[in-house]
């Protein structure tokens, strides 16, 4: 018999350790509790500023999840994981901002006679 390990994970980089998962978990809890506190304690008086701060925490939390739980980095799968993520993110951003742009211009360029019909 050969010295063959029956490991179905043929990867260059090992999965994270318990310590890595705990760091990710603690960071996720902190990144959830802080926005919750910001809203419940009404720390920032402007609701728009609060929304921007919460979105910032959400983006940071997405990165934490990708690094600590999904093990995504530029080395995994020869960089294809990260490349596909970047491509998908660009498509999603184009779709979201394109939709918002179209809806804004549809609203601005609506004929005044149509506005009266919609209100009455």
N, C-alpha and C. Protein backbone atom coordinates (compact mmCIF):
# COMPACT_ATOMS: atom_id res chain seq x y z
N UNK A 1 0.83 -1.18 0.00
CA UNK A 1 0.00 0.00 0.00
C UNK A 1 0.87 1.24 0.00
N UNK A 2 0.40 2.24 -0.69
CA UNK A 2 1.15 3.49 -0.73
C UNK A 2 0.78 4.36 0.47
N UNK A 3 1.52 5.39 0.63
CA UNK A 3 1.30 6.32 1.73
C UNK A 3 0.31 7.39 1.29
N UNK A 4 -0.85 6.99 0.81
CA UNK A 4 -1.86 7.87 0.22
C UNK A 4 -2.86 8.30 1.29
N UNK A 5 -3.07 9.58 1.41
CA UNK A 5 -4.07 10.09 2.35
C UNK A 5 -5.39 10.20 1.62
N UNK A 6 -6.45 9.80 2.28
CA UNK A 6 -7.78 9.82 1.67
C UNK A 6 -8.43 11.18 1.90
N UNK A 7 -7.80 12.20 1.43
CA UNK A 7 -8.29 13.56 1.62
C UNK A 7 -8.88 14.07 0.32
N UNK A 8 -10.16 14.42 0.32
CA UNK A 8 -10.80 14.88 -0.90
C UNK A 8 -10.56 16.36 -1.17
N UNK A 9 -9.88 17.04 -0.28
CA UNK A 9 -9.56 18.45 -0.48
C UNK A 9 -8.13 18.57 -0.98
N UNK A 10 -7.96 18.68 -2.26
CA UNK A 10 -6.63 18.89 -2.82
C UNK A 10 -6.42 20.37 -3.03
N UNK A 11 -6.07 21.07 -1.99
CA UNK A 11 -5.90 22.50 -2.08
C UNK A 11 -4.50 22.87 -1.61
N UNK A 12 -4.01 23.98 -2.13
CA UNK A 12 -2.70 24.45 -1.73
C UNK A 12 -2.73 25.04 -0.33
N UNK A 13 -3.83 25.68 0.05
CA UNK A 13 -3.92 26.36 1.33
C UNK A 13 -4.95 25.67 2.20
N UNK A 14 -4.61 25.38 3.45
CA UNK A 14 -5.55 24.68 4.33
C UNK A 14 -6.69 25.60 4.75
N UNK A 15 -7.76 24.94 5.18
CA UNK A 15 -8.88 25.71 5.71
C UNK A 15 -8.46 26.38 7.01
N UNK A 16 -9.27 27.32 7.44
CA UNK A 16 -8.94 28.10 8.63
C UNK A 16 -9.00 27.22 9.88
N UNK A 17 -8.34 27.69 10.89
CA UNK A 17 -8.34 26.99 12.17
C UNK A 17 -9.52 27.47 13.01
N UNK A 18 -9.67 26.86 14.17
CA UNK A 18 -10.72 27.28 15.10
C UNK A 18 -10.52 28.74 15.48
N UNK A 19 -9.26 29.13 15.66
CA UNK A 19 -8.93 30.51 16.01
C UNK A 19 -9.41 31.47 14.92
N UNK A 20 -9.19 31.10 13.65
CA UNK A 20 -9.63 31.94 12.54
C UNK A 20 -11.14 32.10 12.49
N UNK A 21 -11.85 30.98 12.74
CA UNK A 21 -13.32 31.06 12.75
C UNK A 21 -13.81 31.91 13.92
N UNK A 22 -13.16 31.82 15.07
CA UNK A 22 -13.57 32.61 16.22
C UNK A 22 -13.30 34.10 15.99
N UNK A 23 -12.18 34.43 15.36
CA UNK A 23 -11.91 35.83 15.02
C UNK A 23 -13.00 36.36 14.08
N UNK A 24 -13.34 35.58 13.07
CA UNK A 24 -14.41 35.97 12.15
C UNK A 24 -15.74 36.14 12.85
N UNK A 25 -16.05 35.22 13.76
CA UNK A 25 -17.31 35.29 14.50
C UNK A 25 -17.37 36.54 15.38
N UNK A 26 -16.29 36.80 16.11
CA UNK A 26 -16.26 37.98 17.00
C UNK A 26 -16.37 39.27 16.19
N UNK A 27 -15.64 39.33 15.07
CA UNK A 27 -15.73 40.53 14.22
C UNK A 27 -17.15 40.69 13.67
N UNK A 28 -17.78 39.59 13.28
CA UNK A 28 -19.15 39.66 12.76
C UNK A 28 -20.12 40.16 13.83
N UNK A 29 -19.97 39.68 15.04
CA UNK A 29 -20.85 40.14 16.13
C UNK A 29 -20.64 41.63 16.39
N UNK A 30 -19.39 42.05 16.45
CA UNK A 30 -19.10 43.48 16.68
C UNK A 30 -19.67 44.33 15.55
N UNK A 31 -19.50 43.87 14.30
CA UNK A 31 -19.98 44.63 13.15
C UNK A 31 -21.51 44.59 13.03
N UNK A 32 -22.17 43.75 13.81
CA UNK A 32 -23.63 43.74 13.86
C UNK A 32 -24.13 44.60 15.02
N UNK A 33 -23.45 44.51 16.16
CA UNK A 33 -23.90 45.21 17.36
C UNK A 33 -23.74 46.73 17.21
N UNK A 34 -22.65 47.18 16.63
CA UNK A 34 -22.42 48.63 16.52
C UNK A 34 -23.51 49.32 15.68
N UNK A 35 -23.85 48.84 14.48
CA UNK A 35 -24.95 49.51 13.75
C UNK A 35 -26.28 49.42 14.49
N UNK A 36 -26.54 48.29 15.15
CA UNK A 36 -27.77 48.16 15.94
C UNK A 36 -27.81 49.23 17.03
N UNK A 37 -26.69 49.43 17.73
CA UNK A 37 -26.61 50.45 18.77
C UNK A 37 -26.77 51.85 18.18
N UNK A 38 -26.15 52.09 17.01
CA UNK A 38 -26.28 53.41 16.38
C UNK A 38 -27.73 53.77 16.11
N UNK A 39 -28.51 52.79 15.68
CA UNK A 39 -29.91 53.05 15.38
C UNK A 39 -30.76 53.15 16.65
N UNK A 40 -30.58 52.20 17.56
CA UNK A 40 -31.42 52.16 18.76
C UNK A 40 -31.16 53.35 19.69
N UNK A 41 -29.91 53.80 19.78
CA UNK A 41 -29.58 54.92 20.67
C UNK A 41 -29.68 56.27 19.96
N UNK A 42 -29.99 56.24 18.66
CA UNK A 42 -30.10 57.46 17.86
C UNK A 42 -28.84 58.32 18.03
N UNK A 43 -27.68 57.70 17.85
CA UNK A 43 -26.39 58.37 18.05
C UNK A 43 -26.16 59.46 17.02
N UNK A 44 -26.49 59.18 15.76
CA UNK A 44 -26.31 60.16 14.69
C UNK A 44 -27.69 60.74 14.38
N UNK A 45 -27.80 62.05 14.45
CA UNK A 45 -29.12 62.68 14.29
C UNK A 45 -29.67 62.57 12.87
N UNK A 46 -28.80 62.57 11.88
CA UNK A 46 -29.24 62.50 10.49
C UNK A 46 -29.47 61.04 10.09
N UNK A 47 -30.66 60.76 9.60
CA UNK A 47 -30.95 59.38 9.19
C UNK A 47 -30.15 58.99 7.94
N UNK A 48 -29.87 59.96 7.08
CA UNK A 48 -29.06 59.66 5.88
C UNK A 48 -27.63 59.30 6.27
N UNK A 49 -27.06 60.03 7.21
CA UNK A 49 -25.71 59.72 7.67
C UNK A 49 -25.67 58.37 8.37
N UNK A 50 -26.70 58.07 9.14
CA UNK A 50 -26.79 56.76 9.80
C UNK A 50 -26.84 55.65 8.77
N UNK A 51 -27.61 55.84 7.72
CA UNK A 51 -27.71 54.82 6.67
C UNK A 51 -26.36 54.59 5.99
N UNK A 52 -25.63 55.67 5.74
CA UNK A 52 -24.31 55.54 5.10
C UNK A 52 -23.34 54.78 6.02
N UNK A 53 -23.37 55.10 7.31
CA UNK A 53 -22.49 54.42 8.26
C UNK A 53 -22.85 52.93 8.34
N UNK A 54 -24.13 52.62 8.38
CA UNK A 54 -24.57 51.22 8.44
C UNK A 54 -24.16 50.48 7.17
N UNK A 55 -24.29 51.13 6.02
CA UNK A 55 -23.84 50.50 4.77
C UNK A 55 -22.33 50.24 4.79
N UNK A 56 -21.58 51.16 5.38
CA UNK A 56 -20.14 50.96 5.52
C UNK A 56 -19.83 49.74 6.38
N UNK A 57 -20.54 49.61 7.51
CA UNK A 57 -20.35 48.43 8.36
C UNK A 57 -20.75 47.16 7.62
N UNK A 58 -21.79 47.24 6.79
CA UNK A 58 -22.23 46.07 6.03
C UNK A 58 -21.16 45.62 5.04
N UNK A 59 -20.53 46.57 4.38
CA UNK A 59 -19.46 46.23 3.42
C UNK A 59 -18.29 45.58 4.16
N UNK A 60 -17.92 46.14 5.29
CA UNK A 60 -16.82 45.55 6.07
C UNK A 60 -17.20 44.14 6.52
N UNK A 61 -18.44 43.94 6.91
CA UNK A 61 -18.87 42.62 7.35
C UNK A 61 -18.86 41.61 6.19
N UNK A 62 -19.21 42.05 5.00
CA UNK A 62 -19.13 41.18 3.82
C UNK A 62 -17.69 40.73 3.61
N UNK A 63 -16.76 41.66 3.73
CA UNK A 63 -15.34 41.31 3.56
C UNK A 63 -14.89 40.33 4.65
N UNK A 64 -15.32 40.55 5.89
CA UNK A 64 -14.96 39.63 6.98
C UNK A 64 -15.49 38.23 6.68
N UNK A 65 -16.72 38.13 6.23
CA UNK A 65 -17.30 36.82 5.91
C UNK A 65 -16.54 36.15 4.76
N UNK A 66 -16.19 36.93 3.76
CA UNK A 66 -15.47 36.35 2.61
C UNK A 66 -14.09 35.86 3.02
N UNK A 67 -13.41 36.57 3.89
CA UNK A 67 -12.04 36.19 4.26
C UNK A 67 -12.05 35.06 5.29
N UNK A 68 -12.84 35.19 6.35
CA UNK A 68 -12.76 34.24 7.46
C UNK A 68 -13.63 33.00 7.27
N UNK A 69 -14.74 33.10 6.54
CA UNK A 69 -15.64 31.94 6.42
C UNK A 69 -15.60 31.32 5.02
N UNK A 70 -15.49 32.13 3.99
CA UNK A 70 -15.43 31.60 2.62
C UNK A 70 -14.01 31.38 2.14
N UNK A 71 -13.03 31.84 2.91
CA UNK A 71 -11.60 31.66 2.61
C UNK A 71 -11.24 32.19 1.23
N UNK A 72 -11.82 33.32 0.87
CA UNK A 72 -11.54 33.90 -0.44
C UNK A 72 -10.36 34.84 -0.33
N UNK A 73 -9.40 34.64 -1.22
CA UNK A 73 -8.27 35.54 -1.34
C UNK A 73 -7.75 35.42 -2.77
N UNK A 74 -6.72 36.15 -3.08
CA UNK A 74 -6.23 36.13 -4.45
C UNK A 74 -5.45 34.87 -4.78
N UNK A 75 -5.14 34.03 -3.76
CA UNK A 75 -4.41 32.80 -4.02
C UNK A 75 -5.34 31.61 -4.22
N UNK A 76 -6.55 31.63 -3.67
CA UNK A 76 -7.43 30.47 -3.75
C UNK A 76 -7.90 30.25 -5.19
N UNK A 77 -7.84 29.00 -5.62
CA UNK A 77 -8.25 28.59 -6.97
C UNK A 77 -7.50 29.38 -8.04
N UNK A 78 -6.27 29.70 -7.78
CA UNK A 78 -5.47 30.43 -8.76
C UNK A 78 -5.97 31.84 -9.01
N UNK A 79 -6.72 32.41 -8.07
CA UNK A 79 -7.23 33.77 -8.23
C UNK A 79 -8.57 33.84 -8.93
N UNK A 80 -9.09 32.72 -9.41
CA UNK A 80 -10.35 32.73 -10.15
C UNK A 80 -11.54 33.05 -9.26
N UNK A 81 -11.50 32.65 -8.00
CA UNK A 81 -12.59 33.00 -7.08
C UNK A 81 -12.74 34.51 -6.97
N UNK A 82 -11.62 35.18 -6.76
CA UNK A 82 -11.66 36.63 -6.59
C UNK A 82 -12.04 37.32 -7.90
N UNK A 83 -11.53 36.81 -9.01
CA UNK A 83 -11.85 37.41 -10.31
C UNK A 83 -13.35 37.28 -10.60
N UNK A 84 -13.92 36.13 -10.31
CA UNK A 84 -15.36 35.96 -10.54
C UNK A 84 -16.17 36.83 -9.60
N UNK A 85 -15.70 37.01 -8.36
CA UNK A 85 -16.39 37.89 -7.43
C UNK A 85 -16.36 39.34 -7.91
N UNK A 86 -15.22 39.79 -8.38
CA UNK A 86 -15.09 41.16 -8.88
C UNK A 86 -16.00 41.37 -10.09
N UNK A 87 -16.01 40.41 -11.01
CA UNK A 87 -16.86 40.52 -12.20
C UNK A 87 -18.34 40.57 -11.81
N UNK A 88 -18.75 39.69 -10.89
CA UNK A 88 -20.15 39.68 -10.45
C UNK A 88 -20.50 40.99 -9.75
N UNK A 89 -19.59 41.51 -8.92
CA UNK A 89 -19.85 42.77 -8.23
C UNK A 89 -20.03 43.92 -9.21
N UNK A 90 -19.21 43.95 -10.25
CA UNK A 90 -19.33 45.01 -11.26
C UNK A 90 -20.68 44.91 -11.97
N UNK A 91 -21.10 43.70 -12.32
CA UNK A 91 -22.40 43.54 -12.97
C UNK A 91 -23.55 43.96 -12.06
N UNK A 92 -23.47 43.63 -10.79
CA UNK A 92 -24.52 44.02 -9.84
C UNK A 92 -24.55 45.53 -9.69
N UNK A 93 -23.38 46.18 -9.57
CA UNK A 93 -23.35 47.63 -9.45
C UNK A 93 -23.89 48.32 -10.69
N UNK A 94 -23.54 47.81 -11.88
CA UNK A 94 -24.08 48.39 -13.11
C UNK A 94 -25.60 48.26 -13.14
N UNK A 95 -26.11 47.11 -12.73
CA UNK A 95 -27.56 46.89 -12.72
C UNK A 95 -28.26 47.82 -11.73
N UNK A 96 -27.71 47.94 -10.52
CA UNK A 96 -28.34 48.78 -9.50
C UNK A 96 -28.30 50.25 -9.91
N UNK A 97 -27.10 50.75 -10.25
CA UNK A 97 -27.00 52.18 -10.59
C UNK A 97 -27.70 52.50 -11.91
N UNK A 98 -27.70 51.58 -12.84
CA UNK A 98 -28.44 51.79 -14.09
C UNK A 98 -29.93 51.87 -13.84
N UNK A 99 -30.45 51.01 -12.98
CA UNK A 99 -31.87 51.04 -12.65
C UNK A 99 -32.24 52.33 -11.94
N UNK A 100 -31.41 52.74 -10.99
CA UNK A 100 -31.68 54.00 -10.28
C UNK A 100 -31.64 55.19 -11.23
N UNK A 101 -30.68 55.17 -12.16
CA UNK A 101 -30.56 56.27 -13.14
C UNK A 101 -31.80 56.32 -14.03
N UNK A 102 -32.26 55.18 -14.50
CA UNK A 102 -33.45 55.14 -15.36
C UNK A 102 -34.67 55.61 -14.58
N UNK A 103 -34.84 55.14 -13.35
CA UNK A 103 -36.01 55.55 -12.56
C UNK A 103 -35.98 57.04 -12.25
N UNK A 104 -34.81 57.58 -11.95
CA UNK A 104 -34.70 59.01 -11.69
C UNK A 104 -35.10 59.82 -12.92
N UNK A 105 -34.56 59.44 -14.08
CA UNK A 105 -34.86 60.19 -15.29
C UNK A 105 -36.30 60.00 -15.75
N UNK A 106 -36.88 58.85 -15.49
CA UNK A 106 -38.30 58.67 -15.80
C UNK A 106 -39.14 59.60 -14.92
N UNK A 107 -38.76 59.75 -13.68
CA UNK A 107 -39.49 60.63 -12.77
C UNK A 107 -39.33 62.09 -13.16
N UNK A 108 -38.10 62.52 -13.48
CA UNK A 108 -37.83 63.92 -13.82
C UNK A 108 -38.48 64.30 -15.14
N UNK A 109 -38.46 63.40 -16.10
CA UNK A 109 -38.95 63.72 -17.44
C UNK A 109 -40.41 63.37 -17.66
N UNK A 110 -41.15 63.05 -16.60
CA UNK A 110 -42.56 62.73 -16.74
C UNK A 110 -43.32 64.00 -17.13
N UNK A 111 -44.23 63.87 -18.05
CA UNK A 111 -44.98 65.03 -18.54
C UNK A 111 -45.89 65.57 -17.43
N UNK A 112 -46.01 66.92 -17.31
CA UNK A 112 -46.84 67.50 -16.25
C UNK A 112 -48.29 67.04 -16.31
N UNK A 113 -48.83 66.82 -17.49
CA UNK A 113 -50.23 66.39 -17.58
C UNK A 113 -50.40 65.00 -16.96
N UNK A 114 -49.38 64.19 -17.05
CA UNK A 114 -49.46 62.86 -16.44
C UNK A 114 -49.41 62.94 -14.92
N UNK A 115 -48.72 63.92 -14.38
CA UNK A 115 -48.63 64.06 -12.95
C UNK A 115 -50.01 64.38 -12.33
N UNK A 116 -50.81 65.20 -13.01
CA UNK A 116 -52.13 65.53 -12.53
C UNK A 116 -53.04 64.31 -12.54
N UNK A 117 -52.91 63.47 -13.57
CA UNK A 117 -53.71 62.25 -13.64
C UNK A 117 -53.35 61.29 -12.51
N UNK A 118 -52.10 61.25 -12.13
CA UNK A 118 -51.67 60.30 -11.11
C UNK A 118 -52.07 60.76 -9.71
N UNK A 119 -52.17 62.07 -9.49
CA UNK A 119 -52.50 62.58 -8.17
C UNK A 119 -54.00 62.60 -7.95
N UNK A 120 -54.77 62.72 -8.95
CA UNK A 120 -56.21 62.87 -8.80
C UNK A 120 -56.89 61.64 -9.06
